[in-house]
Amino acid sequence: MGTEQAQSPEPQPKRKRFLGAFGAARDVMYGMASHDMSRYAIRTRASMEHLFILITMGDLLGVPILPPYYSLRLLPYVVPQVSTWKRRMLRERDITDTLG
């Protein structure tokens, strides 16, 4: 056979340190550039979903906005989120909740 040198599966210590430093720099750049935007987008999406459920299933809280026919047609898409939505809508709030 030949005199092939087997390369170790683990990277050399310098390479491992470089990859660790590169990963740390990448995480720092993500935190500085887009972390706030992604959190804001997630918060906005959750708010829009809760507003949509309020419009369609407002009858559960006594706020009839849409006729029941349309609410029933949308019911299969809304059922997984109804319990968390009810908990959020009926939660006690004060002015400091909107500031944070």
PDB file of N, CA and C in Angstrom:
ATOM      1  N   MET A   1       0.841  -1.161   0.000  1.00  0.00           N
ATOM      2  CA  MET A   1       0.000   0.000   0.000  1.00  0.00           C
ATOM      3  C   MET A   1       0.893   1.232   0.000  1.00  0.00           C
ATOM      4  N   GLY A   2       0.459   2.358   0.189  1.00  0.00           N
ATOM      5  CA  GLY A   2       1.274   3.555   0.142  1.00  0.00           C
ATOM      6  C   GLY A   2       1.586   4.069   1.530  1.00  0.00           C
ATOM      7  N   THR A   3       2.387   5.054   1.584  1.00  0.00           N
ATOM      8  CA  THR A   3       2.695   5.682   2.861  1.00  0.00           C
ATOM      9  C   THR A   3       1.819   6.924   3.001  1.00  0.00           C
ATOM     10  N   GLU A   4       0.562   6.695   3.217  1.00  0.00           N
ATOM     11  CA  GLU A   4      -0.385   7.805   3.372  1.00  0.00           C
ATOM     12  C   GLU A   4      -0.411   8.231   4.818  1.00  0.00           C
ATOM     13  N   GLN A   5      -0.388   9.498   5.013  1.00  0.00           N
ATOM     14  CA  GLN A   5      -0.478   9.997   6.374  1.00  0.00           C
ATOM     15  C   GLN A   5      -1.950  10.204   6.707  1.00  0.00           C
ATOM     16  N   ALA A   6      -2.347   9.667   7.811  1.00  0.00           N
ATOM     17  CA  ALA A   6      -3.732   9.833   8.250  1.00  0.00           C
ATOM     18  C   ALA A   6      -3.859  11.185   8.938  1.00  0.00           C
ATOM     19  N   GLN A   7      -4.786  11.970   8.457  1.00  0.00           N
ATOM     20  CA  GLN A   7      -5.005  13.270   9.078  1.00  0.00           C
ATOM     21  C   GLN A   7      -5.964  13.096  10.236  1.00  0.00           C
ATOM     22  N   SER A   8      -5.697  13.795  11.295  1.00  0.00           N
ATOM     23  CA  SER A   8      -6.560  13.671  12.467  1.00  0.00           C
ATOM     24  C   SER A   8      -7.899  14.367  12.178  1.00  0.00           C
ATOM     25  N   PRO A   9      -8.976  13.789  12.685  1.00  0.00           N
ATOM     26  CA  PRO A   9     -10.290  14.399  12.428  1.00  0.00           C
ATOM     27  C   PRO A   9     -10.491  15.724  13.160  1.00  0.00           C
ATOM     28  N   GLU A  10      -9.729  15.978  14.222  1.00  0.00           N
ATOM     29  CA  GLU A  10      -9.882  17.228  14.960  1.00  0.00           C
ATOM     30  C   GLU A  10      -8.981  18.298  14.352  1.00  0.00           C
ATOM     31  N   PRO A  11      -9.476  19.538  14.268  1.00  0.00           N
ATOM     32  CA  PRO A  11      -8.633  20.608  13.721  1.00  0.00           C
ATOM     33  C   PRO A  11      -7.485  20.935  14.672  1.00  0.00           C
ATOM     34  N   GLN A  12      -6.456  21.518  14.121  1.00  0.00           N
ATOM     35  CA  GLN A  12      -5.313  21.906  14.925  1.00  0.00           C
ATOM     36  C   GLN A  12      -5.745  22.979  15.923  1.00  0.00           C
ATOM     37  N   PRO A  13      -4.970  23.124  17.011  1.00  0.00           N
ATOM     38  CA  PRO A  13      -5.343  24.107  18.042  1.00  0.00           C
ATOM     39  C   PRO A  13      -5.464  25.535  17.508  1.00  0.00           C
ATOM     40  N   LYS A  14      -4.577  25.948  16.595  1.00  0.00           N
ATOM     41  CA  LYS A  14      -4.665  27.308  16.051  1.00  0.00           C
ATOM     42  C   LYS A  14      -5.949  27.482  15.247  1.00  0.00           C
ATOM     43  N   ARG A  15      -6.264  26.473  14.465  1.00  0.00           N
ATOM     44  CA  ARG A  15      -7.483  26.535  13.650  1.00  0.00           C
ATOM     45  C   ARG A  15      -8.724  26.563  14.548  1.00  0.00           C
ATOM     46  N   LYS A  16      -8.703  25.772  15.598  1.00  0.00           N
ATOM     47  CA  LYS A  16      -9.843  25.733  16.520  1.00  0.00           C
ATOM     48  C   LYS A  16     -10.027  27.101  17.185  1.00  0.00           C
ATOM     49  N   ARG A  17      -8.913  27.724  17.581  1.00  0.00           N
ATOM     50  CA  ARG A  17      -8.986  29.058  18.186  1.00  0.00           C
ATOM     51  C   ARG A  17      -9.513  30.083  17.188  1.00  0.00           C
ATOM     52  N   PHE A  18      -9.058  29.980  15.939  1.00  0.00           N
ATOM     53  CA  PHE A  18      -9.516  30.902  14.900  1.00  0.00           C
ATOM     54  C   PHE A  18     -11.016  30.744  14.664  1.00  0.00           C
ATOM     55  N   LEU A  19     -11.471  29.509  14.584  1.00  0.00           N
ATOM     56  CA  LEU A  19     -12.904  29.285  14.370  1.00  0.00           C
ATOM     57  C   LEU A  19     -13.726  29.786  15.553  1.00  0.00           C
ATOM     58  N   GLY A  20     -13.213  29.620  16.760  1.00  0.00           N
ATOM     59  CA  GLY A  20     -13.907  30.130  17.939  1.00  0.00           C
ATOM     60  C   GLY A  20     -13.978  31.649  17.934  1.00  0.00           C
ATOM     61  N   ALA A  21     -12.876  32.298  17.561  1.00  0.00           N
ATOM     62  CA  ALA A  21     -12.856  33.760  17.495  1.00  0.00           C
ATOM     63  C   ALA A  21     -13.757  34.264  16.377  1.00  0.00           C
ATOM     64  N   PHE A  22     -13.751  33.560  15.252  1.00  0.00           N
ATOM     65  CA  PHE A  22     -14.620  33.941  14.135  1.00  0.00           C
ATOM     66  C   PHE A  22     -16.090  33.807  14.528  1.00  0.00           C
ATOM     67  N   GLY A  23     -16.448  32.732  15.227  1.00  0.00           N
ATOM     68  CA  GLY A  23     -17.826  32.541  15.679  1.00  0.00           C
ATOM     69  C   GLY A  23     -18.239  33.625  16.667  1.00  0.00           C
ATOM     70  N   ALA A  24     -17.328  33.989  17.561  1.00  0.00           N
ATOM     71  CA  ALA A  24     -17.634  35.046  18.527  1.00  0.00           C
ATOM     72  C   ALA A  24     -17.834  36.383  17.818  1.00  0.00           C
ATOM     73  N   ALA A  25     -16.968  36.674  16.838  1.00  0.00           N
ATOM     74  CA  ALA A  25     -17.117  37.926  16.090  1.00  0.00           C
ATOM     75  C   ALA A  25     -18.434  37.935  15.300  1.00  0.00           C
ATOM     76  N   ARG A  26     -18.793  36.800  14.734  1.00  0.00           N
ATOM     77  CA  ARG A  26     -20.052  36.706  13.990  1.00  0.00           C
ATOM     78  C   ARG A  26     -21.244  36.956  14.918  1.00  0.00           C
ATOM     79  N   ASP A  27     -21.211  36.382  16.126  1.00  0.00           N
ATOM     80  CA  ASP A  27     -22.295  36.589  17.076  1.00  0.00           C
ATOM     81  C   ASP A  27     -22.386  38.048  17.526  1.00  0.00           C
ATOM     82  N   VAL A  28     -21.243  38.684  17.729  1.00  0.00           N
ATOM     83  CA  VAL A  28     -21.236  40.093  18.127  1.00  0.00           C
ATOM     84  C   VAL A  28     -21.824  40.957  17.013  1.00  0.00           C
ATOM     85  N   MET A  29     -21.434  40.689  15.783  1.00  0.00           N
ATOM     86  CA  MET A  29     -21.966  41.462  14.650  1.00  0.00           C
ATOM     87  C   MET A  29     -23.472  41.264  14.502  1.00  0.00           C
ATOM     88  N   TYR A  30     -23.941  40.032  14.700  1.00  0.00           N
ATOM     89  CA  TYR A  30     -25.376  39.778  14.646  1.00  0.00           C
ATOM     90  C   TYR A  30     -26.091  40.566  15.742  1.00  0.00           C
ATOM     91  N   GLY A  31     -25.525  40.557  16.935  1.00  0.00           N
ATOM     92  CA  GLY A  31     -26.139  41.286  18.040  1.00  0.00           C
ATOM     93  C   GLY A  31     -26.198  42.780  17.786  1.00  0.00           C
ATOM     94  N   MET A  32     -25.141  43.322  17.179  1.00  0.00           N
ATOM     95  CA  MET A  32     -25.106  44.761  16.917  1.00  0.00           C
ATOM     96  C   MET A  32     -25.992  45.144  15.744  1.00  0.00           C
ATOM     97  N   ALA A  33     -26.087  44.281  14.740  1.00  0.00           N
ATOM     98  CA  ALA A  33     -26.747  44.670  13.498  1.00  0.00           C
ATOM     99  C   ALA A  33     -28.216  44.292  13.439  1.00  0.00           C
ATOM    100  N   SER A  34     -28.566  43.092  13.850  1.00  0.00           N
ATOM    101  CA  SER A  34     -29.927  42.662  13.534  1.00  0.00           C
ATOM    102  C   SER A  34     -30.707  42.018  14.670  1.00  0.00           C
ATOM    103  N   HIS A  35     -30.154  41.920  15.853  1.00  0.00           N
ATOM    104  CA  HIS A  35     -30.901  41.284  16.939  1.00  0.00           C
ATOM    105  C   HIS A  35     -32.153  42.072  17.305  1.00  0.00           C
ATOM    106  N   ASP A  36     -32.026  43.382  17.429  1.00  0.00           N
ATOM    107  CA  ASP A  36     -33.189  44.208  17.762  1.00  0.00           C
ATOM    108  C   ASP A  36     -34.260  44.146  16.686  1.00  0.00           C
ATOM    109  N   MET A  37     -33.829  44.130  15.431  1.00  0.00           N
ATOM    110  CA  MET A  37     -34.809  44.051  14.339  1.00  0.00           C
ATOM    111  C   MET A  37     -35.566  42.734  14.367  1.00  0.00           C
ATOM    112  N   SER A  38     -34.862  41.640  14.631  1.00  0.00           N
ATOM    113  CA  SER A  38     -35.544  40.350  14.651  1.00  0.00           C
ATOM    114  C   SER A  38     -36.489  40.251  15.840  1.00  0.00           C
ATOM    115  N   ARG A  39     -36.109  40.769  16.990  1.00  0.00           N
ATOM    116  CA  ARG A  39     -37.016  40.757  18.149  1.00  0.00           C
ATOM    117  C   ARG A  39     -38.240  41.629  17.890  1.00  0.00           C
ATOM    118  N   TYR A  40     -38.045  42.781  17.261  1.00  0.00           N
ATOM    119  CA  TYR A  40     -39.158  43.658  16.936  1.00  0.00           C
ATOM    120  C   TYR A  40     -40.102  42.987  15.936  1.00  0.00           C
ATOM    121  N   ALA A  41     -39.542  42.280  14.955  1.00  0.00           N
ATOM    122  CA  ALA A  41     -40.379  41.587  13.970  1.00  0.00           C
ATOM    123  C   ALA A  41     -41.191  40.483  14.626  1.00  0.00           C
ATOM    124  N   ILE A  42     -40.591  39.751  15.546  1.00  0.00           N
ATOM    125  CA  ILE A  42     -41.317  38.691  16.251  1.00  0.00           C
ATOM    126  C   ILE A  42     -42.414  39.284  17.105  1.00  0.00           C
ATOM    127  N   ARG A  43     -42.122  40.381  17.804  1.00  0.00           N
ATOM    128  CA  ARG A  43     -43.122  41.031  18.651  1.00  0.00           C
ATOM    129  C   ARG A  43     -44.276  41.581  17.810  1.00  0.00           C
ATOM    130  N   THR A  44     -43.959  42.164  16.656  1.00  0.00           N
ATOM    131  CA  THR A  44     -44.987  42.698  15.764  1.00  0.00           C
ATOM    132  C   THR A  44     -45.855  41.585  15.212  1.00  0.00           C
ATOM    133  N   ARG A  45     -45.235  40.475  14.831  1.00  0.00           N
ATOM    134  CA  ARG A  45     -46.012  39.339  14.311  1.00  0.00           C
ATOM    135  C   ARG A  45     -46.972  38.807  15.370  1.00  0.00           C
ATOM    136  N   ALA A  46     -46.501  38.677  16.609  1.00  0.00           N
ATOM    137  CA  ALA A  46     -47.367  38.194  17.688  1.00  0.00           C
ATOM    138  C   ALA A  46     -48.527  39.156  17.916  1.00  0.00           C
ATOM    139  N   SER A  47     -48.247  40.441  17.875  1.00  0.00           N
ATOM    140  CA  SER A  47     -49.304  41.430  18.058  1.00  0.00           C
ATOM    141  C   SER A  47     -50.346  41.354  16.944  1.00  0.00           C
ATOM    142  N   MET A  48     -49.887  41.193  15.706  1.00  0.00           N
ATOM    143  CA  MET A  48     -50.815  41.073  14.569  1.00  0.00           C
ATOM    144  C   MET A  48     -51.650  39.800  14.657  1.00  0.00           C
ATOM    145  N   GLU A  49     -51.035  38.706  15.097  1.00  0.00           N
ATOM    146  CA  GLU A  49     -51.792  37.466  15.243  1.00  0.00           C
ATOM    147  C   GLU A  49     -52.862  37.604  16.311  1.00  0.00           C
ATOM    148  N   HIS A  50     -52.526  38.254  17.427  1.00  0.00           N
ATOM    149  CA  HIS A  50     -53.520  38.446  18.481  1.00  0.00           C
ATOM    150  C   HIS A  50     -54.633  39.383  18.028  1.00  0.00           C
ATOM    151  N   LEU A  51     -54.302  40.387  17.257  1.00  0.00           N
ATOM    152  CA  LEU A  51     -55.324  41.280  16.718  1.00  0.00           C
ATOM    153  C   LEU A  51     -56.237  40.538  15.749  1.00  0.00           C
ATOM    154  N   PHE A  52     -55.672  39.675  14.906  1.00  0.00           N
ATOM    155  CA  PHE A  52     -56.461  38.878  13.977  1.00  0.00           C
ATOM    156  C   PHE A  52     -57.427  37.965  14.727  1.00  0.00           C
ATOM    157  N   ILE A  53     -56.930  37.342  15.787  1.00  0.00           N
ATOM    158  CA  ILE A  53     -57.810  36.465  16.566  1.00  0.00           C
ATOM    159  C   ILE A  53     -58.895  37.279  17.256  1.00  0.00           C
ATOM    160  N   LEU A  54     -58.575  38.481  17.720  1.00  0.00           N
ATOM    161  CA  LEU A  54     -59.593  39.336  18.332  1.00  0.00           C
ATOM    162  C   LEU A  54     -60.681  39.684  17.330  1.00  0.00           C
ATOM    163  N   ILE A  55     -60.291  39.989  16.107  1.00  0.00           N
ATOM    164  CA  ILE A  55     -61.277  40.347  15.095  1.00  0.00           C
ATOM    165  C   ILE A  55     -62.148  39.153  14.734  1.00  0.00           C
ATOM    166  N   THR A  56     -61.538  37.981  14.613  1.00  0.00           N
ATOM    167  CA  THR A  56     -62.311  36.815  14.178  1.00  0.00           C
ATOM    168  C   THR A  56     -63.035  36.125  15.316  1.00  0.00           C
ATOM    169  N   MET A  57     -62.426  36.034  16.484  1.00  0.00           N
ATOM    170  CA  MET A  57     -63.019  35.301  17.598  1.00  0.00           C
ATOM    171  C   MET A  57     -63.397  36.224  18.755  1.00  0.00           C
ATOM    172  N   GLY A  58     -63.718  37.446  18.480  1.00  0.00           N
ATOM    173  CA  GLY A  58     -64.078  38.393  19.524  1.00  0.00           C
ATOM    174  C   GLY A  58     -65.332  38.000  20.271  1.00  0.00           C
ATOM    175  N   ASP A  59     -66.142  37.125  19.696  1.00  0.00           N
ATOM    176  CA  ASP A  59     -67.357  36.671  20.369  1.00  0.00           C
ATOM    177  C   ASP A  59     -67.035  35.989  21.696  1.00  0.00           C
ATOM    178  N   LEU A  60     -65.873  35.380  21.796  1.00  0.00           N
ATOM    179  CA  LEU A  60     -65.497  34.701  23.035  1.00  0.00           C
ATOM    180  C   LEU A  60     -65.323  35.683  24.191  1.00  0.00           C
ATOM    181  N   LEU A  61     -65.009  36.930  23.870  1.00  0.00           N
ATOM    182  CA  LEU A  61     -64.852  37.952  24.900  1.00  0.00           C
ATOM    183  C   LEU A  61     -66.016  38.934  24.938  1.00  0.00           C
ATOM    184  N   GLY A  62     -66.980  38.761  24.051  1.00  0.00           N
ATOM    185  CA  GLY A  62     -68.130  39.660  24.015  1.00  0.00           C
ATOM    186  C   GLY A  62     -67.936  40.833  23.086  1.00  0.00           C
ATOM    187  N   VAL A  63     -67.049  40.721  22.110  1.00  0.00           N
ATOM    188  CA  VAL A  63     -66.802  41.778  21.142  1.00  0.00           C
ATOM    189  C   VAL A  63     -67.143  41.234  19.751  1.00  0.00           C
ATOM    190  N   PRO A  64     -68.421  41.269  19.366  1.00  0.00           N
ATOM    191  CA  PRO A  64     -68.776  40.718  18.053  1.00  0.00           C
ATOM    192  C   PRO A  64     -68.389  41.681  16.928  1.00  0.00           C
ATOM    193  N   ILE A  65     -67.431  41.306  16.120  1.00  0.00           N
ATOM    194  CA  ILE A  65     -66.986  42.151  15.022  1.00  0.00           C
ATOM    195  C   ILE A  65     -67.365  41.525  13.688  1.00  0.00           C
ATOM    196  N   LEU A  66     -67.020  40.262  13.497  1.00  0.00           N
ATOM    197  CA  LEU A  66     -67.371  39.552  12.272  1.00  0.00           C
ATOM    198  C   LEU A  66     -68.605  38.685  12.503  1.00  0.00           C
ATOM    199  N   PRO A  67     -69.406  38.475  11.481  1.00  0.00           N
ATOM    200  CA  PRO A  67     -70.516  37.539  11.633  1.00  0.00           C
ATOM    201  C   PRO A  67     -69.991  36.133  11.949  1.00  0.00           C
ATOM    202  N   PRO A  68     -70.742  35.346  12.690  1.00  0.00           N
ATOM    203  CA  PRO A  68     -70.273  34.018  13.108  1.00  0.00           C
ATOM    204  C   PRO A  68     -69.913  33.092  11.941  1.00  0.00           C
ATOM    205  N   TYR A  69     -70.521  33.278  10.784  1.00  0.00           N
ATOM    206  CA  TYR A  69     -70.227  32.410   9.649  1.00  0.00           C
ATOM    207  C   TYR A  69     -68.741  32.482   9.270  1.00  0.00           C
ATOM    208  N   TYR A  70     -68.222  33.682   9.171  1.00  0.00           N
ATOM    209  CA  TYR A  70     -66.818  33.853   8.808  1.00  0.00           C
ATOM    210  C   TYR A  70     -65.895  33.393   9.934  1.00  0.00           C
ATOM    211  N   SER A  71     -66.309  33.604  11.157  1.00  0.00           N
ATOM    212  CA  SER A  71     -65.513  33.138  12.288  1.00  0.00           C
ATOM    213  C   SER A  71     -65.403  31.623  12.279  1.00  0.00           C
ATOM    214  N   LEU A  72     -66.510  30.946  11.965  1.00  0.00           N
ATOM    215  CA  LEU A  72     -66.474  29.489  11.929  1.00  0.00           C
ATOM    216  C   LEU A  72     -65.629  28.971  10.774  1.00  0.00           C
ATOM    217  N   ARG A  73     -65.585  29.684   9.688  1.00  0.00           N
ATOM    218  CA  ARG A  73     -64.742  29.248   8.569  1.00  0.00           C
ATOM    219  C   ARG A  73     -63.264  29.375   8.908  1.00  0.00           C
ATOM    220  N   LEU A  74     -62.904  30.335   9.740  1.00  0.00           N
ATOM    221  CA  LEU A  74     -61.508  30.537  10.135  1.00  0.00           C
ATOM    222  C   LEU A  74     -61.108  29.743  11.382  1.00  0.00           C
ATOM    223  N   LEU A  75     -62.083  29.135  12.046  1.00  0.00           N
ATOM    224  CA  LEU A  75     -61.834  28.433  13.302  1.00  0.00           C
ATOM    225  C   LEU A  75     -60.725  27.379  13.224  1.00  0.00           C
ATOM    226  N   PRO A  76     -60.639  26.534  12.202  1.00  0.00           N
ATOM    227  CA  PRO A  76     -59.567  25.528  12.185  1.00  0.00           C
ATOM    228  C   PRO A  76     -58.159  26.125  12.198  1.00  0.00           C
ATOM    229  N   TYR A  77     -57.996  27.318  11.704  1.00  0.00           N
ATOM    230  CA  TYR A  77     -56.667  27.946  11.676  1.00  0.00           C
ATOM    231  C   TYR A  77     -56.329  28.635  12.993  1.00  0.00           C
ATOM    232  N   VAL A  78     -57.340  28.926  13.784  1.00  0.00           N
ATOM    233  CA  VAL A  78     -57.163  29.726  14.994  1.00  0.00           C
ATOM    234  C   VAL A  78     -57.124  28.879  16.257  1.00  0.00           C
ATOM    235  N   VAL A  79     -57.689  27.684  16.221  1.00  0.00           N
ATOM    236  CA  VAL A  79     -57.836  26.858  17.423  1.00  0.00           C
ATOM    237  C   VAL A  79     -56.533  26.668  18.197  1.00  0.00           C
ATOM    238  N   PRO A  80     -55.386  26.408  17.569  1.00  0.00           N
ATOM    239  CA  PRO A  80     -54.171  26.201  18.378  1.00  0.00           C
ATOM    240  C   PRO A  80     -53.752  27.421  19.192  1.00  0.00           C
ATOM    241  N   GLN A  81     -54.184  28.608  18.814  1.00  0.00           N
ATOM    242  CA  GLN A  81     -53.726  29.824  19.491  1.00  0.00           C
ATOM    243  C   GLN A  81     -54.766  30.427  20.431  1.00  0.00           C
ATOM    244  N   VAL A  82     -55.949  29.841  20.504  1.00  0.00           N
ATOM    245  CA  VAL A  82     -57.037  30.463  21.270  1.00  0.00           C
ATOM    246  C   VAL A  82     -56.713  30.539  22.754  1.00  0.00           C
ATOM    247  N   SER A  83     -56.141  29.491  23.346  1.00  0.00           N
ATOM    248  CA  SER A  83     -55.904  29.502  24.792  1.00  0.00           C
ATOM    249  C   SER A  83     -54.894  30.578  25.191  1.00  0.00           C
ATOM    250  N   THR A  84     -53.802  30.715  24.444  1.00  0.00           N
ATOM    251  CA  THR A  84     -52.829  31.755  24.792  1.00  0.00           C
ATOM    252  C   THR A  84     -53.387  33.143  24.511  1.00  0.00           C
ATOM    253  N   TRP A  85     -54.206  33.249  23.477  1.00  0.00           N
ATOM    254  CA  TRP A  85     -54.816  34.537  23.162  1.00  0.00           C
ATOM    255  C   TRP A  85     -55.756  34.978  24.283  1.00  0.00           C
ATOM    256  N   LYS A  86     -56.592  34.070  24.776  1.00  0.00           N
ATOM    257  CA  LYS A  86     -57.517  34.425  25.863  1.00  0.00           C
ATOM    258  C   LYS A  86     -56.743  34.850  27.101  1.00  0.00           C
ATOM    259  N   ARG A  87     -55.669  34.124  27.404  1.00  0.00           N
ATOM    260  CA  ARG A  87     -54.861  34.463  28.572  1.00  0.00           C
ATOM    261  C   ARG A  87     -54.251  35.850  28.414  1.00  0.00           C
ATOM    262  N   ARG A  88     -53.776  36.177  27.212  1.00  0.00           N
ATOM    263  CA  ARG A  88     -53.155  37.483  26.985  1.00  0.00           C
ATOM    264  C   ARG A  88     -54.180  38.606  27.027  1.00  0.00           C
ATOM    265  N   MET A  89     -55.358  38.407  26.454  1.00  0.00           N
ATOM    266  CA  MET A  89     -56.371  39.461  26.404  1.00  0.00           C
ATOM    267  C   MET A  89     -56.990  39.733  27.775  1.00  0.00           C
ATOM    268  N   LEU A  90     -57.103  38.723  28.606  1.00  0.00           N
ATOM    269  CA  LEU A  90     -57.750  38.890  29.906  1.00  0.00           C
ATOM    270  C   LEU A  90     -56.759  39.191  31.035  1.00  0.00           C
ATOM    271  N   ARG A  91     -55.486  39.324  30.693  1.00  0.00           N
ATOM    272  CA  ARG A  91     -54.462  39.625  31.690  1.00  0.00           C
ATOM    273  C   ARG A  91     -54.586  41.068  32.148  1.00  0.00           C
ATOM    274  N   GLU A  92     -54.331  41.275  33.438  1.00  0.00           N
ATOM    275  CA  GLU A  92     -54.363  42.633  33.968  1.00  0.00           C
ATOM    276  C   GLU A  92     -53.124  43.384  33.510  1.00  0.00           C
ATOM    277  N   ARG A  93     -53.279  44.625  33.093  1.00  0.00           N
ATOM    278  CA  ARG A  93     -52.162  45.413  32.592  1.00  0.00           C
ATOM    279  C   ARG A  93     -52.138  46.789  33.252  1.00  0.00           C
ATOM    280  N   ASP A  94     -50.964  47.393  33.244  1.00  0.00           N
ATOM    281  CA  ASP A  94     -50.851  48.790  33.646  1.00  0.00           C
ATOM    282  C   ASP A  94     -49.948  49.503  32.652  1.00  0.00           C
ATOM    283  N   ILE A  95     -49.677  50.750  32.903  1.00  0.00           N
ATOM    284  CA  ILE A  95     -48.953  51.588  31.935  1.00  0.00           C
ATOM    285  C   ILE A  95     -47.514  51.115  31.730  1.00  0.00           C
ATOM    286  N   THR A  96     -46.913  50.480  32.731  1.00  0.00           N
ATOM    287  CA  THR A  96     -45.525  50.053  32.582  1.00  0.00           C
ATOM    288  C   THR A  96     -45.378  48.865  31.616  1.00  0.00           C
ATOM    289  N   ASP A  97     -46.459  48.127  31.344  1.00  0.00           N
ATOM    290  CA  ASP A  97     -46.385  47.038  30.364  1.00  0.00           C
ATOM    291  C   ASP A  97     -46.139  47.547  28.959  1.00  0.00           C
ATOM    292  N   THR A  98     -46.686  48.700  28.643  1.00  0.00           N
ATOM    293  CA  THR A  98     -46.526  49.227  27.284  1.00  0.00           C
ATOM    294  C   THR A  98     -45.169  49.910  27.102  1.00  0.00           C
ATOM    295  N   LEU A  99     -44.528  50.316  28.182  1.00  0.00           N
ATOM    296  CA  LEU A  99     -43.243  50.993  28.072  1.00  0.00           C
ATOM    297  C   LEU A  99     -42.111  50.041  27.750  1.00  0.00           C
ATOM    298  N   GLY A 100     -42.197  48.781  28.205  1.00  0.00           N
ATOM    299  CA  GLY A 100     -41.095  47.834  28.011  1.00  0.00           C
ATOM    300  C   GLY A 100     -41.215  47.135  26.765  1.00  0.00           C
TER     301      GLY A 100
END
